[in-house]
Protein backbone atom coordinates (compact mmCIF):
# COMPACT_ATOMS: atom_id res chain seq x y z
CA MET A 1 22.57 72.33 -3.98
CA GLU A 2 25.08 69.66 -4.03
CA LEU A 3 26.43 70.29 -0.86
CA PHE A 4 23.04 70.28 0.66
CA THR A 5 22.34 66.63 -0.62
CA ILE A 6 25.55 65.40 0.85
CA LEU A 7 24.77 66.54 4.45
CA LEU A 8 21.19 64.90 3.91
CA SER A 9 22.56 61.96 3.13
CA LEU A 10 24.90 62.41 6.13
CA ILE A 11 21.97 63.10 8.65
CA LEU A 12 19.95 60.24 7.09
CA LEU A 13 22.80 57.64 7.61
CA MET A 14 23.30 58.73 11.08
CA PHE A 15 19.55 58.37 11.82
CA PHE A 16 18.80 55.13 10.26
CA ALA A 17 21.92 54.02 12.07
CA PHE A 18 20.71 55.24 15.33
CA ARG A 19 17.45 53.21 14.88
CA GLY A 20 19.48 50.07 14.31
CA TYR A 21 19.00 49.66 10.46
CA SER A 22 21.61 47.93 8.48
CA ILE A 23 24.18 50.15 6.79
CA ILE A 24 24.73 47.26 4.51
CA LEU A 25 21.52 48.28 2.82
CA PHE A 26 21.41 51.49 3.76
CA ALA A 27 24.60 52.89 2.97
CA PRO A 28 24.66 52.45 -1.12
CA LEU A 29 21.14 54.58 -0.80
CA PHE A 30 22.47 57.38 0.93
CA ALA A 31 25.82 57.22 -1.18
CA VAL A 32 23.32 57.63 -4.57
CA LEU A 33 21.32 60.50 -2.51
CA ALA A 34 24.44 62.21 -1.84
CA ALA A 35 24.99 62.09 -5.57
CA ALA A 36 21.70 63.01 -6.88
CA ALA A 37 22.80 66.60 -7.45
CA SER A 38 25.84 66.26 -9.13
CA ASN A 39 26.77 65.56 -12.40
CA PHE A 40 27.03 62.14 -12.35
CA SER A 41 24.64 59.56 -13.14
CA LEU A 42 23.16 57.69 -10.51
CA MET A 43 23.77 53.94 -11.32
CA PRO A 44 27.38 54.29 -12.25
CA VAL A 45 27.43 56.02 -9.05
CA TYR A 46 26.65 52.75 -7.32
CA THR A 47 28.33 50.34 -9.56
CA GLU A 48 31.46 52.15 -10.48
CA ILE A 49 32.08 54.13 -7.24
CA PHE A 50 30.80 52.54 -4.42
CA MET A 51 30.90 48.58 -5.40
CA THR A 52 34.51 49.26 -6.39
CA LYS A 53 35.73 50.66 -3.07
CA ALA A 54 33.44 48.54 -1.13
CA ALA A 55 35.23 45.64 -3.00
CA GLU A 56 38.30 47.28 -2.55
CA TYR A 57 38.14 47.45 1.23
CA PHE A 58 36.67 43.70 1.27
CA LYS A 59 40.28 42.43 -0.74
CA MET A 60 42.17 44.24 1.60
CA TYR A 61 40.53 43.43 5.06
CA PHE A 62 38.10 40.50 4.58
CA SER A 63 41.13 38.28 5.87
CA ILE A 64 41.76 40.07 8.79
CA PHE A 65 37.63 39.93 9.74
CA LEU A 66 37.98 36.33 8.86
CA LEU A 67 40.77 35.28 10.91
CA GLY A 68 39.71 37.04 13.68
CA ALA A 69 36.30 36.18 14.23
CA VAL A 70 37.70 32.29 13.48
CA PHE A 71 40.52 32.87 16.39
CA ALA A 72 37.70 34.53 18.94
CA LYS A 73 35.51 31.55 18.39
CA VAL A 74 37.74 28.86 18.61
CA MET A 75 39.32 30.81 21.91
CA GLU A 76 35.52 31.02 22.87
CA GLU A 77 34.18 27.38 22.23
CA GLY A 78 37.55 25.97 23.32
CA GLY A 79 36.84 27.59 26.87
CA LEU A 80 40.72 29.38 26.71
CA ALA A 81 38.72 32.98 26.57
CA ARG A 82 36.94 31.71 29.85
CA ALA A 83 40.03 30.31 31.47
CA ILE A 84 41.99 33.29 31.01
CA ALA A 85 39.08 35.77 32.63
CA GLY A 86 38.41 33.25 35.21
CA THR A 87 42.00 33.56 36.28
CA ILE A 88 42.14 37.25 36.13
CA ALA A 89 39.07 37.38 38.03
CA ARG A 90 40.01 35.01 40.82
CA LYS A 91 43.54 36.84 41.18
CA LEU A 92 42.31 40.17 41.69
CA GLY A 93 39.21 38.94 43.68
CA LYS A 94 35.95 41.00 44.60
CA GLU A 95 38.51 43.69 46.65
CA ASN A 96 39.50 44.87 43.05
CA ALA A 97 36.28 43.77 41.08
CA ILE A 98 36.24 46.89 38.75
CA LEU A 99 40.08 46.60 37.68
CA ALA A 100 39.60 42.80 37.12
CA VAL A 101 36.77 43.47 34.84
CA ILE A 102 38.85 46.43 33.04
CA LEU A 103 42.24 44.13 32.83
CA GLY A 104 40.37 40.73 31.99
CA CYS A 105 38.52 42.90 28.89
CA ALA A 106 41.73 44.19 27.74
CA PHE A 107 44.02 41.19 28.12
CA LEU A 108 41.44 39.45 25.62
CA THR A 109 41.12 42.14 23.55
CA TYR A 110 45.05 43.32 23.16
CA GLY A 111 45.08 39.29 22.25
CA GLY A 112 43.33 39.52 19.45
CA ILE A 113 39.86 38.31 20.56
CA SER A 114 36.94 40.17 18.92
CA VAL A 115 35.45 42.78 20.86
CA PHE A 116 31.68 41.20 21.03
CA VAL A 117 33.55 38.01 22.38
CA VAL A 118 35.37 39.73 24.54
CA VAL A 119 31.77 41.42 26.24
CA PHE A 120 30.01 37.58 26.05
CA VAL A 121 32.87 36.25 27.79
CA MET A 122 33.62 38.87 30.40
CA TYR A 123 30.25 39.63 31.62
CA PRO A 124 29.33 36.60 33.77
CA PHE A 125 32.65 37.28 35.71
CA ALA A 126 31.90 40.73 35.92
CA SER A 127 28.25 40.03 37.54
CA ALA A 128 29.66 37.49 40.00
CA LEU A 129 32.28 40.19 41.30
CA TYR A 130 30.08 42.99 41.70
CA ARG A 131 27.36 41.08 43.14
CA GLU A 132 29.93 39.55 45.68
CA ALA A 133 31.58 43.07 46.59
CA ASN A 134 28.09 44.75 46.43
CA ILE A 135 28.76 47.29 43.46
CA PRO A 136 25.92 48.59 41.54
CA LYS A 137 25.29 46.21 38.67
CA ARG A 138 24.78 49.74 36.49
CA PHE A 139 28.58 50.43 36.74
CA ILE A 140 29.44 46.86 34.45
CA PRO A 141 28.60 48.39 31.13
CA ALA A 142 31.45 51.16 31.50
CA ALA A 143 33.81 48.70 33.05
CA LEU A 144 33.13 46.43 30.05
CA TRP A 145 33.55 49.54 27.53
CA LEU A 146 36.65 51.05 29.07
CA GLY A 147 38.63 47.41 29.10
CA THR A 148 37.26 46.69 25.29
CA PHE A 149 36.81 49.32 23.01
CA THR A 150 39.42 52.05 24.09
CA PHE A 151 42.62 51.80 25.11
CA SER A 152 43.42 48.09 24.09
CA MET A 153 41.86 48.56 20.94
CA GLY A 154 43.08 51.70 19.32
CA ALA A 155 45.96 52.95 21.55
CA PHE A 156 48.07 50.24 22.67
CA PRO A 157 50.71 49.37 20.06
CA GLY A 158 50.40 46.08 18.58
CA SER A 159 46.68 45.54 18.91
CA PRO A 160 45.53 43.36 16.52
CA GLN A 161 42.15 45.00 16.45
CA ILE A 162 40.85 46.27 12.97
CA GLN A 163 40.53 50.04 14.39
CA ASN A 164 44.51 49.73 14.70
CA ILE A 165 45.01 47.80 11.21
CA ILE A 166 43.10 49.98 8.93
CA PRO A 167 45.34 53.07 8.85
CA THR A 168 48.36 50.66 7.89
CA ALA A 169 46.91 50.45 4.41
CA PHE A 170 46.66 54.24 4.22
CA PHE A 171 50.18 55.35 5.61
CA GLY A 172 52.12 52.17 4.93
CA THR A 173 52.69 51.92 8.79
CA THR A 174 52.34 48.67 11.12
CA THR A 175 50.20 48.21 14.18
CA TRP A 176 53.20 49.01 16.15
CA ALA A 177 53.24 52.57 15.10
CA ALA A 178 54.26 55.29 17.24
CA PRO A 179 54.49 52.81 20.21
CA MET A 180 55.81 55.34 23.13
CA LEU A 181 52.76 57.87 22.05
CA GLY A 182 50.22 54.65 21.91
CA ALA A 183 51.82 53.20 25.33
CA VAL A 184 51.42 56.48 27.55
CA SER A 185 48.05 57.71 25.57
CA GLY A 186 46.64 54.21 26.40
CA LEU A 187 47.72 53.94 29.73
CA ALA A 188 46.23 57.79 30.75
CA ILE A 189 42.72 56.39 28.92
CA PHE A 190 42.81 53.41 31.64
CA LEU A 191 43.88 55.33 34.73
CA LEU A 192 41.61 58.25 34.20
CA GLY A 193 38.52 55.81 33.38
CA TRP A 194 39.31 53.35 36.33
CA ALA A 195 39.25 56.59 38.60
CA TRP A 196 36.25 57.50 37.69
CA LEU A 197 34.58 54.23 38.00
CA LEU A 198 36.50 53.94 41.40
CA TYR A 199 35.05 57.24 42.33
CA ARG A 200 31.27 56.07 41.40
CA GLN A 201 31.85 53.01 43.43
CA ARG A 202 32.81 55.05 46.89
CA GLN A 203 29.91 57.36 46.00
CA ALA A 204 27.48 54.46 45.88
CA ALA A 205 28.54 53.12 48.92
CA GLY A 206 28.43 56.53 50.56
CA GLN A 207 24.58 56.17 49.53
CA ASN A 208 24.10 52.57 50.61
CA GLU A 209 23.18 51.45 47.01
CA GLY A 210 24.45 47.86 46.40
CA TYR A 211 24.44 45.58 43.55
CA GLY A 212 20.74 45.76 43.02
CA THR A 213 17.85 43.32 42.09
CA HIS A 214 17.98 42.41 38.92
CA THR A 215 16.24 39.85 36.92
CA ILE A 216 17.24 40.27 33.16
CA ASN A 217 20.49 38.12 31.84
CA GLU A 218 21.00 37.45 35.41
CA PRO A 219 24.07 34.61 34.97
CA GLU A 220 23.20 31.33 36.43
CA GLU A 221 25.39 29.41 38.78
CA LYS A 222 26.65 26.33 36.72
CA ALA A 223 29.21 23.80 36.87
CA GLU A 224 31.75 24.34 34.05
CA GLY A 225 33.55 21.62 32.42
CA ARG A 226 37.33 20.64 32.92
CA MET A 227 39.05 23.70 31.65
CA PRO A 228 42.19 24.08 29.97
CA ASP A 229 45.23 24.89 31.80
CA GLN A 230 45.10 28.40 32.83
CA LEU A 231 48.84 29.21 31.82
CA LEU A 232 48.62 27.49 28.27
CA ALA A 233 45.25 29.42 28.04
CA PHE A 234 46.88 32.74 27.50
CA LEU A 235 49.32 31.18 25.09
CA PRO A 236 47.57 31.53 21.91
CA LEU A 237 47.32 35.14 22.70
CA VAL A 238 51.09 35.82 23.22
CA VAL A 239 51.81 34.03 20.19
CA VAL A 240 49.73 36.11 18.14
CA LEU A 241 51.07 39.37 19.48
CA LEU A 242 54.53 37.93 19.32
CA ALA A 243 54.09 36.47 15.58
CA ASN A 244 52.89 39.88 14.81
CA LEU A 245 55.65 41.61 16.10
CA TYR A 246 58.43 39.58 14.17
CA LEU A 247 56.89 39.37 11.12
CA SER A 248 55.97 42.86 10.65
CA ASN A 249 59.24 44.10 12.48
CA PRO A 250 57.99 47.55 13.02
CA PHE A 251 61.70 48.58 14.67
CA LYS A 252 63.83 47.44 11.83
CA TRP A 253 65.24 44.56 13.93
CA SER A 254 68.22 42.85 11.55
CA TRP A 255 67.28 39.64 13.15
CA ALA A 256 63.41 39.69 12.56
CA TYR A 257 61.56 38.75 9.09
CA GLN A 258 62.04 41.31 6.25
CA TRP A 259 59.24 41.34 3.30
CA ASN A 260 60.90 40.97 -0.35
CA GLU A 261 60.06 44.48 -1.23
CA GLU A 262 59.74 42.71 -4.86
CA ILE A 263 57.42 40.22 -3.85
CA LEU A 264 54.43 41.83 -5.64
CA LEU A 265 56.66 42.33 -8.80
CA PRO A 266 55.40 39.22 -10.47
CA PHE A 267 51.98 39.92 -10.47
CA LYS A 268 52.12 43.38 -12.00
CA VAL A 269 52.28 41.55 -15.39
CA LEU A 270 48.92 39.98 -14.52
CA LYS A 271 47.18 43.54 -14.22
CA LEU A 272 44.98 42.72 -11.55
CA SER A 273 42.71 45.49 -10.64
CA LEU A 274 43.51 46.00 -7.01
CA LEU A 275 46.68 44.92 -6.93
CA SER A 276 48.53 46.98 -3.85
CA THR A 277 50.89 49.46 -4.91
CA GLY A 278 53.93 48.28 -2.67
CA VAL A 279 54.38 45.96 0.04
CA ASP A 280 54.13 48.66 2.64
CA LYS A 281 50.66 49.01 2.12
CA VAL A 282 50.09 45.24 2.86
CA ARG A 283 52.70 43.93 5.07
CA ALA A 284 50.91 44.58 8.19
CA ILE A 285 47.91 42.53 6.84
CA TRP A 286 49.88 39.38 5.62
CA SER A 287 51.88 39.59 9.15
CA LEU A 288 48.92 39.71 11.53
CA ASN A 289 47.29 36.55 8.91
CA ILE A 290 50.01 34.68 9.62
CA ALA A 291 50.01 35.27 13.19
CA LEU A 292 46.08 35.07 13.63
CA ILE A 293 46.59 31.22 11.64
CA LEU A 294 49.01 30.54 14.34
CA GLY A 295 47.00 31.80 17.34
CA ILE A 296 44.11 29.35 15.79
CA LEU A 297 46.24 26.24 15.30
CA LEU A 298 47.46 26.80 18.69
CA ALA A 299 43.89 27.23 20.31
CA ILE A 300 42.37 24.16 18.90
CA TYR A 301 45.47 22.20 20.27
CA ILE A 302 44.93 23.19 23.73
CA GLY A 303 41.06 23.33 23.78
CA ARG A 304 41.16 19.89 21.66
CA ASP A 305 39.49 18.12 24.68
CA GLN A 306 36.56 20.92 24.98
CA PHE A 307 36.03 20.52 21.41
CA ARG A 308 35.87 16.32 21.80
CA ARG A 309 33.09 17.15 24.34
CA THR A 310 31.03 19.60 22.06
CA GLY A 311 31.11 17.40 18.89
CA GLY A 312 34.32 18.75 17.33
CA ILE A 313 35.84 22.00 15.56
CA ALA A 314 33.77 22.25 12.44
CA ALA A 315 30.86 24.42 14.17
CA SER A 316 33.21 27.15 15.50
CA LEU A 317 35.07 27.25 12.41
CA ASN A 318 32.09 27.63 10.37
CA SER A 319 30.60 29.91 12.83
CA GLY A 320 33.35 32.11 13.28
CA ALA A 321 33.71 32.45 9.08
CA ASN A 322 30.04 33.28 8.68
CA SER A 323 30.12 36.06 11.37
CA SER A 324 33.15 37.58 9.99
CA LEU A 325 30.93 38.30 6.68
CA VAL A 326 28.46 40.84 8.41
CA ALA A 327 31.20 42.78 10.04
CA VAL A 328 33.20 42.98 7.02
CA LEU A 329 30.09 44.01 4.86
CA ASN A 330 29.13 47.04 6.99
CA THR A 331 32.41 48.48 7.23
CA ALA A 332 33.00 48.13 3.60
CA SER A 333 29.79 49.55 3.00
CA GLY A 334 30.74 52.74 5.22
CA TYR A 335 33.91 52.77 3.12
CA GLY A 336 31.84 52.78 -0.08
CA TYR A 337 29.88 55.55 1.20
CA GLY A 338 32.59 57.76 2.02
CA SER A 339 34.26 57.02 -1.10
CA VAL A 340 31.24 58.21 -3.03
CA VAL A 341 31.09 61.15 -0.89
CA ALA A 342 34.47 62.30 -1.37
CA SER A 343 34.48 61.93 -5.22
CA LEU A 344 31.57 64.52 -5.43
CA ALA A 345 32.42 68.27 -6.16
CA GLY A 346 30.20 69.56 -3.52
CA PHE A 347 32.50 67.57 -1.11
CA GLN A 348 35.15 70.12 -1.78
CA VAL A 349 33.71 72.47 0.35
CA ILE A 350 33.55 70.34 3.42
CA LYS A 351 37.31 69.00 2.41
CA ALA A 352 38.79 72.42 2.46
CA PHE A 353 36.92 73.11 5.55
CA LEU A 354 38.37 70.16 7.45
CA LEU A 355 41.79 70.60 6.10
CA ASP A 356 41.57 74.38 7.01
CA ILE A 357 41.46 73.12 10.78
CA LYS A 358 45.06 74.32 11.42
CA ILE A 359 46.20 73.92 14.48
CA GLY A 360 49.91 73.23 14.85
CA ALA A 361 52.22 72.54 11.95
CA GLY A 362 50.32 69.52 10.71
CA PRO A 363 46.86 67.69 10.22
CA LEU A 364 46.61 66.05 13.53
CA VAL A 365 43.92 68.06 14.98
CA SER A 366 41.80 67.77 11.54
CA GLU A 367 42.65 64.40 11.45
CA ALA A 368 41.26 63.76 15.13
CA ILE A 369 38.04 65.74 14.41
CA THR A 370 37.01 64.26 11.20
CA VAL A 371 37.56 60.74 12.72
CA ASN A 372 35.45 61.06 15.65
CA ILE A 373 32.66 63.35 13.51
CA MET A 374 32.39 60.14 11.32
CA ALA A 375 32.51 57.78 14.33
CA ALA A 376 29.84 59.56 15.97
CA ILE A 377 27.79 59.67 12.57
CA THR A 378 28.15 55.86 11.62
CA GLY A 379 28.40 54.83 15.42
CA SER A 380 31.46 52.77 14.64
CA ALA A 381 34.79 53.15 15.27
CA SER A 382 36.29 51.07 12.50
CA GLY A 383 33.20 52.63 10.14
CA GLY A 384 34.37 56.30 10.92
CA ILE A 385 38.25 55.52 10.81
CA THR A 386 37.40 54.12 7.33
CA ILE A 387 35.17 56.97 5.72
CA ALA A 388 37.62 59.58 7.41
CA LEU A 389 40.50 57.92 6.04
CA GLY A 390 38.98 56.99 2.84
CA MET A 391 38.03 60.75 2.06
CA LEU A 392 41.03 62.53 3.22
CA GLY A 393 43.76 59.99 4.18
CA ALA A 394 45.92 60.67 1.12
CA ASP A 395 45.77 64.31 1.83
CA TYR A 396 46.80 63.99 5.69
CA LEU A 397 49.75 61.97 4.71
CA THR A 398 50.84 64.71 2.25
CA TRP A 399 50.10 67.40 4.45
CA ALA A 400 51.98 65.31 7.18
CA GLN A 401 55.18 64.85 5.31
CA THR A 402 55.52 68.72 4.67
CA ALA A 403 55.18 69.10 8.11
CA SER A 404 57.77 66.56 9.18
CA ILE A 405 55.50 64.61 10.97
CA SER A 406 55.67 60.53 10.67
CA PRO A 407 53.08 58.32 9.11
CA ASP A 408 53.24 56.31 12.29
CA VAL A 409 52.13 59.50 14.40
CA LEU A 410 49.15 59.68 11.89
CA HIS A 411 48.27 56.25 12.58
CA ARG A 412 48.43 56.56 16.01
CA PHE A 413 46.14 59.46 16.53
CA ALA A 414 43.53 58.19 13.79
CA ALA A 415 43.30 54.97 15.64
CA LEU A 416 42.68 56.79 19.12
CA ALA A 417 40.34 59.13 17.83
CA SER A 418 38.28 56.35 16.20
CA SER A 419 37.62 55.36 19.64
CA GLY A 420 36.66 58.63 20.61
CA LEU A 421 32.88 59.57 19.92
CA ASP A 422 32.17 56.20 18.67
CA SER A 423 30.31 55.37 22.08
CA MET A 424 27.29 57.35 20.77
CA PRO A 425 23.58 55.79 21.94
CA HIS A 426 23.39 54.39 18.81
CA ASN A 427 26.93 52.24 18.34
CA GLY A 428 26.10 48.68 17.67
CA GLY A 429 28.83 47.86 20.24
CA LEU A 430 27.23 49.60 23.13
CA ILE A 431 23.51 48.37 22.35
CA THR A 432 25.35 44.84 22.41
CA VAL A 433 26.92 45.31 25.65
CA MET A 434 23.57 46.87 27.46
CA ALA A 435 21.64 43.89 26.08
CA VAL A 436 24.49 41.42 27.57
CA CYS A 437 24.04 43.17 30.65
CA GLY A 438 20.36 43.19 30.84
CA LEU A 439 20.36 47.02 31.21
CA THR A 440 19.01 49.78 29.53
CA HIS A 441 20.66 53.03 28.59
CA LYS A 442 18.55 55.33 30.78
CA GLN A 443 20.51 52.94 33.49
CA ALA A 444 23.95 52.66 32.70
CA TYR A 445 24.52 55.13 29.76
CA TYR A 446 25.54 58.06 31.96
CA ASP A 447 29.26 56.45 33.17
CA LEU A 448 29.96 55.34 29.60
CA PHE A 449 29.24 58.91 28.17
CA VAL A 450 31.71 60.38 31.23
CA ILE A 451 34.12 58.17 29.59
CA THR A 452 33.33 59.05 26.21
CA VAL A 453 34.06 62.56 27.03
CA MET A 454 37.41 61.69 28.81
CA LYS A 455 38.71 59.76 26.09
CA THR A 456 37.65 62.31 23.46
CA LEU A 457 39.44 65.33 25.32
CA LEU A 458 42.46 63.22 26.19
CA ILE A 459 43.04 62.64 22.42
CA PHE A 460 43.33 66.59 21.82
CA LEU A 461 45.34 67.03 25.04
CA PHE A 462 47.96 64.32 23.62
CA ILE A 463 48.16 65.94 20.55
CA ALA A 464 48.59 69.48 22.28
CA LEU A 465 51.44 67.67 24.12
CA TYR A 466 52.78 66.38 20.67
CA ILE A 467 52.75 69.91 18.97
CA MET A 468 54.35 71.40 22.21
CA ALA A 469 56.89 68.68 22.43
CA GLY A 470 57.58 68.06 18.91
CA ASN A 471 57.79 64.23 19.32
CA PHE A 472 56.92 61.55 21.62
């Protein structure tokens, strides 16, 4: 009976997420439902497990959500993101319209700008390029998704997106984990997705299908204000990446920053309930916090003229801060839900099944399947990886150590898997992309679905290659 209530709660969570209901409201309800047939009393399940774990997640990651959202907002409002997108679009031109959109999205995402901001910034340029090149508009969402929500988000080492940060707390890694594996797999996703979109472009051209007649959310030609210098616009992105690399020091360079391993000792006497167990669990977050602060300050300075014309910086800072709350609470609720399920005796059947997926010597296949399942259920890459690692992260780490698999490899495949089956029709980011483009799922989801299948299969292909080669 307990297993039944767990599965029922999972199905209902997926259904309500698909219908667009807030996970902040419904995750605790379904967490309590999952525990309805257990030996636990229901109110303690809510206050002592769900809320404690949600608070734990909030404590660990809120600063990243906050600073990331503020950075994205000042880059957007200061005109820097638009300058970067425009530069890439102009340099590559209409002849390479698809590549320009993919790379424009990738630069902004890898530089630390929120994926949702990237979509809003890049869409007007994508629309103009596709119209000029007479490429069907229905291909725009797939290009935006490929450049924003795949290789630049979870594959490429050093990505400051949350999907690449979450594993650091579970495995004691940095955002630069398994750099060769991440770079090669990310490049493969990019090339295969780009090749598919080029094939679809040629197919449409052969059928004399052009951009089409569209009236919903068509960008209007309008004069832009004075833009920041194109080269300076890239500088905050570069600073975030380099500062993160220097401070997190994933390659143990003697000249790079070394965090004091005893820095937490004075806090232990305070008996703080959520104190991290070691510096290895938080150094990646500390490093990225500092890097984002530097990026924010530099972006404000470079875009200062634009801010003066629009009434000052306060509105941008406030808007970024406010938007971060919904994002972190969504994911924290997912983590709380997963923690409740993982604490139930009935979950041991599911846990045993997932841990019994033994292809090769380690947990890589089991991890990838679990993260993909959770990402598909929640329609969220961050939600999927958070729930999966919250339930089984410690088991995967123990299993990997017995199989002599580096935690860095666990990190990279978890991040890769989070952007596998996350792009189900109910994914919030996907719905946003369709709305921004003024298209429906019926018009534009096919190519996105193909890319979803490709990137998911590539994850397991690279796991197979890793198992056969033994290393990357």
